[in-house]
Amino acid sequence: MIAWILLIISFITFITAYLLPTGENFLLYTAALNVFLLQVFSHIGQTIIFRGYSPDVITGIFMVIPYSLLTYYHLFELSLIDRHLLFESIPISILMVPIFLIGNLLGSRLIR
């Protein structure tokens, strides 16, 4: 799953950086950032529900959450995103979740 997420987020980041000089907005990038942050809370929830360690919970808490919050802060400060864009990105984020889950299923089947 990690490789699938890395590939998609890297591609979206590359496209966003490539289109930055043209003034394109950050809708897809913001949606990917939302999903990136959301997955941390799934690991935290799994740790609580199963009462055991969930992979990446420590990394998520100490790296992903601060990185995401700092990224949101800088994007807002530079006026690259605003509240309207953030709320517009939520439906796209919801649509991205099944894509990542399908990638996870395909990856687990390829490994076996």
N, C-alpha and C. Protein backbone atom coordinates (compact mmCIF):
# COMPACT_ATOMS: atom_id res chain seq x y z
N MET A 1 0.83 -1.19 0.00
CA MET A 1 0.00 0.00 0.00
C MET A 1 0.87 1.25 0.00
N ILE A 2 1.96 1.21 0.71
CA ILE A 2 2.82 2.38 0.82
C ILE A 2 3.33 2.80 -0.56
N ALA A 3 3.76 1.84 -1.35
CA ALA A 3 4.28 2.18 -2.68
C ALA A 3 3.20 2.79 -3.55
N TRP A 4 1.99 2.27 -3.47
CA TRP A 4 0.86 2.78 -4.26
C TRP A 4 0.57 4.23 -3.87
N ILE A 5 0.51 4.50 -2.58
CA ILE A 5 0.25 5.86 -2.09
C ILE A 5 1.39 6.79 -2.51
N LEU A 6 2.63 6.31 -2.35
CA LEU A 6 3.79 7.12 -2.73
C LEU A 6 3.75 7.48 -4.22
N LEU A 7 3.42 6.53 -5.06
CA LEU A 7 3.38 6.79 -6.50
C LEU A 7 2.31 7.83 -6.86
N ILE A 8 1.13 7.66 -6.31
CA ILE A 8 0.04 8.60 -6.63
C ILE A 8 0.34 9.99 -6.09
N ILE A 9 0.76 10.07 -4.84
CA ILE A 9 1.03 11.39 -4.25
C ILE A 9 2.23 12.05 -4.93
N SER A 10 3.24 11.27 -5.29
CA SER A 10 4.39 11.83 -6.01
C SER A 10 3.98 12.37 -7.37
N PHE A 11 3.14 11.62 -8.07
CA PHE A 11 2.65 12.07 -9.38
C PHE A 11 1.85 13.36 -9.25
N ILE A 12 0.94 13.41 -8.27
CA ILE A 12 0.12 14.61 -8.07
C ILE A 12 1.00 15.79 -7.68
N THR A 13 2.00 15.57 -6.83
CA THR A 13 2.91 16.65 -6.43
C THR A 13 3.71 17.15 -7.63
N PHE A 14 4.20 16.23 -8.46
CA PHE A 14 4.96 16.63 -9.64
C PHE A 14 4.09 17.46 -10.59
N ILE A 15 2.87 17.01 -10.85
CA ILE A 15 1.98 17.73 -11.75
C ILE A 15 1.66 19.11 -11.18
N THR A 16 1.42 19.19 -9.87
CA THR A 16 1.12 20.48 -9.23
C THR A 16 2.31 21.43 -9.36
N ALA A 17 3.51 20.94 -9.09
CA ALA A 17 4.70 21.78 -9.21
C ALA A 17 4.94 22.19 -10.66
N TYR A 18 4.68 21.28 -11.59
CA TYR A 18 4.87 21.58 -13.01
C TYR A 18 3.89 22.65 -13.50
N LEU A 19 2.64 22.59 -13.00
CA LEU A 19 1.62 23.53 -13.42
C LEU A 19 1.62 24.83 -12.61
N LEU A 20 2.43 24.92 -11.58
CA LEU A 20 2.45 26.10 -10.72
C LEU A 20 2.67 27.40 -11.49
N PRO A 21 3.62 27.46 -12.42
CA PRO A 21 3.80 28.73 -13.14
C PRO A 21 2.60 29.15 -13.99
N THR A 22 1.72 28.20 -14.34
CA THR A 22 0.57 28.56 -15.17
C THR A 22 -0.60 29.07 -14.35
N GLY A 23 -0.46 29.03 -13.02
CA GLY A 23 -1.52 29.54 -12.17
C GLY A 23 -2.62 28.54 -11.88
N GLU A 24 -2.37 27.27 -12.21
CA GLU A 24 -3.38 26.24 -11.91
C GLU A 24 -3.57 26.15 -10.40
N ASN A 25 -4.78 25.77 -10.00
CA ASN A 25 -5.03 25.70 -8.56
C ASN A 25 -4.52 24.39 -7.96
N PHE A 26 -4.68 24.28 -6.68
CA PHE A 26 -4.14 23.17 -5.92
C PHE A 26 -5.22 22.18 -5.49
N LEU A 27 -6.28 22.06 -6.25
CA LEU A 27 -7.40 21.23 -5.84
C LEU A 27 -6.99 19.76 -5.66
N LEU A 28 -6.37 19.17 -6.64
CA LEU A 28 -5.98 17.77 -6.56
C LEU A 28 -4.90 17.55 -5.50
N TYR A 29 -3.96 18.48 -5.41
CA TYR A 29 -2.91 18.37 -4.40
C TYR A 29 -3.50 18.46 -3.00
N THR A 30 -4.44 19.37 -2.80
CA THR A 30 -5.09 19.52 -1.49
C THR A 30 -5.87 18.27 -1.15
N ALA A 31 -6.54 17.68 -2.12
CA ALA A 31 -7.28 16.43 -1.89
C ALA A 31 -6.33 15.31 -1.48
N ALA A 32 -5.18 15.22 -2.14
CA ALA A 32 -4.20 14.19 -1.79
C ALA A 32 -3.63 14.44 -0.39
N LEU A 33 -3.40 15.69 -0.05
CA LEU A 33 -2.91 16.02 1.28
C LEU A 33 -3.95 15.66 2.35
N ASN A 34 -5.22 15.86 2.04
CA ASN A 34 -6.29 15.46 2.95
C ASN A 34 -6.25 13.96 3.21
N VAL A 35 -6.11 13.17 2.16
CA VAL A 35 -6.08 11.71 2.29
C VAL A 35 -4.83 11.28 3.06
N PHE A 36 -3.71 11.93 2.79
CA PHE A 36 -2.46 11.64 3.47
C PHE A 36 -2.62 11.83 4.98
N LEU A 37 -3.27 12.92 5.37
CA LEU A 37 -3.52 13.19 6.78
C LEU A 37 -4.57 12.24 7.35
N LEU A 38 -5.60 11.94 6.59
CA LEU A 38 -6.66 11.07 7.05
C LEU A 38 -6.16 9.67 7.38
N GLN A 39 -5.22 9.15 6.60
CA GLN A 39 -4.74 7.79 6.83
C GLN A 39 -4.05 7.66 8.19
N VAL A 40 -3.50 8.74 8.72
CA VAL A 40 -2.90 8.69 10.05
C VAL A 40 -3.96 8.35 11.09
N PHE A 41 -5.12 8.97 10.95
CA PHE A 41 -6.18 8.73 11.91
C PHE A 41 -6.74 7.32 11.80
N SER A 42 -6.63 6.71 10.62
CA SER A 42 -7.04 5.30 10.51
C SER A 42 -6.09 4.41 11.29
N HIS A 43 -4.79 4.72 11.26
CA HIS A 43 -3.82 3.94 12.05
C HIS A 43 -4.04 4.13 13.55
N ILE A 44 -4.34 5.36 13.95
CA ILE A 44 -4.62 5.63 15.36
C ILE A 44 -5.88 4.87 15.78
N GLY A 45 -6.91 4.90 14.94
CA GLY A 45 -8.14 4.17 15.24
C GLY A 45 -7.92 2.67 15.34
N GLN A 46 -7.10 2.12 14.45
CA GLN A 46 -6.80 0.69 14.50
C GLN A 46 -6.07 0.32 15.78
N THR A 47 -5.18 1.19 16.22
CA THR A 47 -4.45 0.95 17.46
C THR A 47 -5.41 0.92 18.65
N ILE A 48 -6.37 1.82 18.66
CA ILE A 48 -7.33 1.88 19.76
C ILE A 48 -8.30 0.69 19.70
N ILE A 49 -8.83 0.41 18.53
CA ILE A 49 -9.82 -0.67 18.38
C ILE A 49 -9.22 -2.04 18.69
N PHE A 50 -8.04 -2.31 18.14
CA PHE A 50 -7.43 -3.63 18.30
C PHE A 50 -6.53 -3.71 19.54
N ARG A 51 -6.38 -2.61 20.25
CA ARG A 51 -5.58 -2.55 21.48
C ARG A 51 -4.19 -3.11 21.30
N GLY A 52 -3.59 -2.74 20.19
CA GLY A 52 -2.24 -3.17 19.89
C GLY A 52 -1.61 -2.19 18.92
N TYR A 53 -0.35 -2.38 18.69
CA TYR A 53 0.37 -1.48 17.79
C TYR A 53 -0.09 -1.65 16.36
N SER A 54 -0.36 -0.54 15.71
CA SER A 54 -0.68 -0.54 14.28
C SER A 54 0.52 0.05 13.54
N PRO A 55 0.94 -0.59 12.46
CA PRO A 55 2.10 -0.06 11.74
C PRO A 55 1.93 1.41 11.39
N ASP A 56 2.98 2.14 11.52
CA ASP A 56 3.07 3.56 11.15
C ASP A 56 2.34 4.51 12.08
N VAL A 57 1.84 4.06 13.22
CA VAL A 57 1.13 4.99 14.10
C VAL A 57 2.11 6.03 14.69
N ILE A 58 3.30 5.61 15.06
CA ILE A 58 4.29 6.54 15.63
C ILE A 58 4.76 7.52 14.56
N THR A 59 5.09 7.01 13.38
CA THR A 59 5.51 7.86 12.27
C THR A 59 4.40 8.83 11.90
N GLY A 60 3.18 8.35 11.88
CA GLY A 60 2.05 9.21 11.54
C GLY A 60 1.89 10.35 12.52
N ILE A 61 1.96 10.02 13.81
CA ILE A 61 1.76 11.05 14.83
C ILE A 61 2.89 12.07 14.83
N PHE A 62 4.13 11.60 14.74
CA PHE A 62 5.26 12.51 14.89
C PHE A 62 5.81 13.08 13.59
N MET A 63 5.41 12.54 12.45
CA MET A 63 5.92 13.07 11.18
C MET A 63 4.81 13.54 10.25
N VAL A 64 3.82 12.69 10.00
CA VAL A 64 2.80 13.02 9.01
C VAL A 64 1.90 14.16 9.49
N ILE A 65 1.44 14.10 10.73
CA ILE A 65 0.56 15.17 11.22
C ILE A 65 1.28 16.52 11.24
N PRO A 66 2.50 16.62 11.81
CA PRO A 66 3.18 17.93 11.76
C PRO A 66 3.48 18.40 10.33
N TYR A 67 3.90 17.45 9.47
CA TYR A 67 4.17 17.82 8.07
C TYR A 67 2.91 18.35 7.40
N SER A 68 1.80 17.65 7.57
CA SER A 68 0.55 18.07 6.94
C SER A 68 0.09 19.43 7.45
N LEU A 69 0.12 19.61 8.76
CA LEU A 69 -0.30 20.89 9.33
C LEU A 69 0.60 22.03 8.86
N LEU A 70 1.89 21.78 8.80
CA LEU A 70 2.83 22.80 8.32
C LEU A 70 2.59 23.11 6.84
N THR A 71 2.30 22.07 6.06
CA THR A 71 2.01 22.28 4.64
C THR A 71 0.74 23.08 4.45
N TYR A 72 -0.32 22.73 5.18
CA TYR A 72 -1.56 23.52 5.12
C TYR A 72 -1.27 24.97 5.50
N TYR A 73 -0.51 25.17 6.58
CA TYR A 73 -0.20 26.52 7.05
C TYR A 73 0.49 27.34 5.95
N HIS A 74 1.52 26.77 5.35
CA HIS A 74 2.26 27.49 4.31
C HIS A 74 1.42 27.74 3.05
N LEU A 75 0.61 26.77 2.67
CA LEU A 75 -0.25 26.97 1.50
C LEU A 75 -1.26 28.09 1.74
N PHE A 76 -1.80 28.18 2.96
CA PHE A 76 -2.70 29.27 3.31
C PHE A 76 -1.95 30.60 3.36
N GLU A 77 -0.77 30.61 3.97
CA GLU A 77 0.02 31.85 4.09
C GLU A 77 0.42 32.40 2.72
N LEU A 78 0.73 31.52 1.79
CA LEU A 78 1.12 31.94 0.44
C LEU A 78 -0.08 32.17 -0.46
N SER A 79 -1.27 32.03 0.09
CA SER A 79 -2.53 32.20 -0.65
C SER A 79 -2.66 31.27 -1.85
N LEU A 80 -2.07 30.10 -1.71
CA LEU A 80 -2.20 29.10 -2.77
C LEU A 80 -3.48 28.29 -2.61
N ILE A 81 -3.97 28.22 -1.36
CA ILE A 81 -5.27 27.60 -1.11
C ILE A 81 -6.03 28.50 -0.14
N ASP A 82 -7.33 28.31 -0.10
CA ASP A 82 -8.18 29.03 0.86
C ASP A 82 -9.22 28.04 1.39
N ARG A 83 -10.10 28.53 2.27
CA ARG A 83 -11.11 27.64 2.86
C ARG A 83 -12.02 27.04 1.80
N HIS A 84 -12.39 27.85 0.81
CA HIS A 84 -13.27 27.37 -0.25
C HIS A 84 -12.62 26.18 -0.98
N LEU A 85 -11.36 26.33 -1.34
CA LEU A 85 -10.64 25.24 -2.03
C LEU A 85 -10.52 24.02 -1.13
N LEU A 86 -10.27 24.24 0.15
CA LEU A 86 -10.17 23.13 1.09
C LEU A 86 -11.47 22.33 1.13
N PHE A 87 -12.60 23.03 1.20
CA PHE A 87 -13.89 22.34 1.23
C PHE A 87 -14.23 21.72 -0.12
N GLU A 88 -13.79 22.32 -1.22
CA GLU A 88 -13.98 21.72 -2.54
C GLU A 88 -13.20 20.42 -2.68
N SER A 89 -12.09 20.33 -2.00
CA SER A 89 -11.23 19.15 -2.14
C SER A 89 -11.75 17.94 -1.37
N ILE A 90 -12.64 18.13 -0.43
CA ILE A 90 -13.13 17.01 0.39
C ILE A 90 -13.83 15.93 -0.44
N PRO A 91 -14.75 16.27 -1.36
CA PRO A 91 -15.36 15.19 -2.17
C PRO A 91 -14.33 14.44 -3.02
N ILE A 92 -13.33 15.14 -3.52
CA ILE A 92 -12.29 14.48 -4.31
C ILE A 92 -11.48 13.55 -3.41
N SER A 93 -11.21 13.99 -2.18
CA SER A 93 -10.50 13.14 -1.22
C SER A 93 -11.29 11.87 -0.96
N ILE A 94 -12.59 12.01 -0.82
CA ILE A 94 -13.44 10.84 -0.56
C ILE A 94 -13.38 9.87 -1.75
N LEU A 95 -13.33 10.42 -2.96
CA LEU A 95 -13.23 9.57 -4.15
C LEU A 95 -11.85 8.90 -4.26
N MET A 96 -10.83 9.52 -3.69
CA MET A 96 -9.48 8.95 -3.76
C MET A 96 -9.31 7.75 -2.83
N VAL A 97 -10.05 7.72 -1.75
CA VAL A 97 -9.90 6.63 -0.77
C VAL A 97 -10.10 5.26 -1.42
N PRO A 98 -11.17 5.03 -2.20
CA PRO A 98 -11.31 3.71 -2.84
C PRO A 98 -10.16 3.39 -3.81
N ILE A 99 -9.61 4.39 -4.43
CA ILE A 99 -8.47 4.16 -5.33
C ILE A 99 -7.30 3.58 -4.55
N PHE A 100 -7.02 4.17 -3.38
CA PHE A 100 -5.94 3.67 -2.55
C PHE A 100 -6.26 2.27 -2.01
N LEU A 101 -7.52 2.03 -1.66
CA LEU A 101 -7.90 0.71 -1.15
C LEU A 101 -7.80 -0.36 -2.23
N ILE A 102 -8.19 -0.03 -3.45
CA ILE A 102 -8.05 -0.97 -4.56
C ILE A 102 -6.58 -1.27 -4.81
N GLY A 103 -5.76 -0.24 -4.76
CA GLY A 103 -4.32 -0.44 -4.90
C GLY A 103 -3.76 -1.34 -3.82
N ASN A 104 -4.27 -1.18 -2.61
CA ASN A 104 -3.84 -2.03 -1.50
C ASN A 104 -4.23 -3.48 -1.75
N LEU A 105 -5.46 -3.71 -2.21
CA LEU A 105 -5.91 -5.07 -2.51
C LEU A 105 -5.09 -5.70 -3.62
N LEU A 106 -4.85 -4.94 -4.68
CA LEU A 106 -4.06 -5.47 -5.79
C LEU A 106 -2.64 -5.76 -5.35
N GLY A 107 -2.08 -4.88 -4.55
CA GLY A 107 -0.71 -5.09 -4.06
C GLY A 107 -0.61 -6.33 -3.18
N SER A 108 -1.60 -6.53 -2.30
CA SER A 108 -1.54 -7.71 -1.43
C SER A 108 -1.71 -9.00 -2.23
N ARG A 109 -2.48 -8.97 -3.31
CA ARG A 109 -2.64 -10.16 -4.15
C ARG A 109 -1.40 -10.44 -4.97
N LEU A 110 -0.69 -9.40 -5.38
CA LEU A 110 0.53 -9.59 -6.16
C LEU A 110 1.66 -10.17 -5.30
N ILE A 111 1.66 -9.82 -4.03
CA ILE A 111 2.71 -10.27 -3.13
C ILE A 111 2.58 -11.77 -2.85
N ARG A 112 1.35 -12.25 -2.78
CA ARG A 112 1.12 -13.69 -2.47
C ARG A 112 1.54 -14.52 -3.59
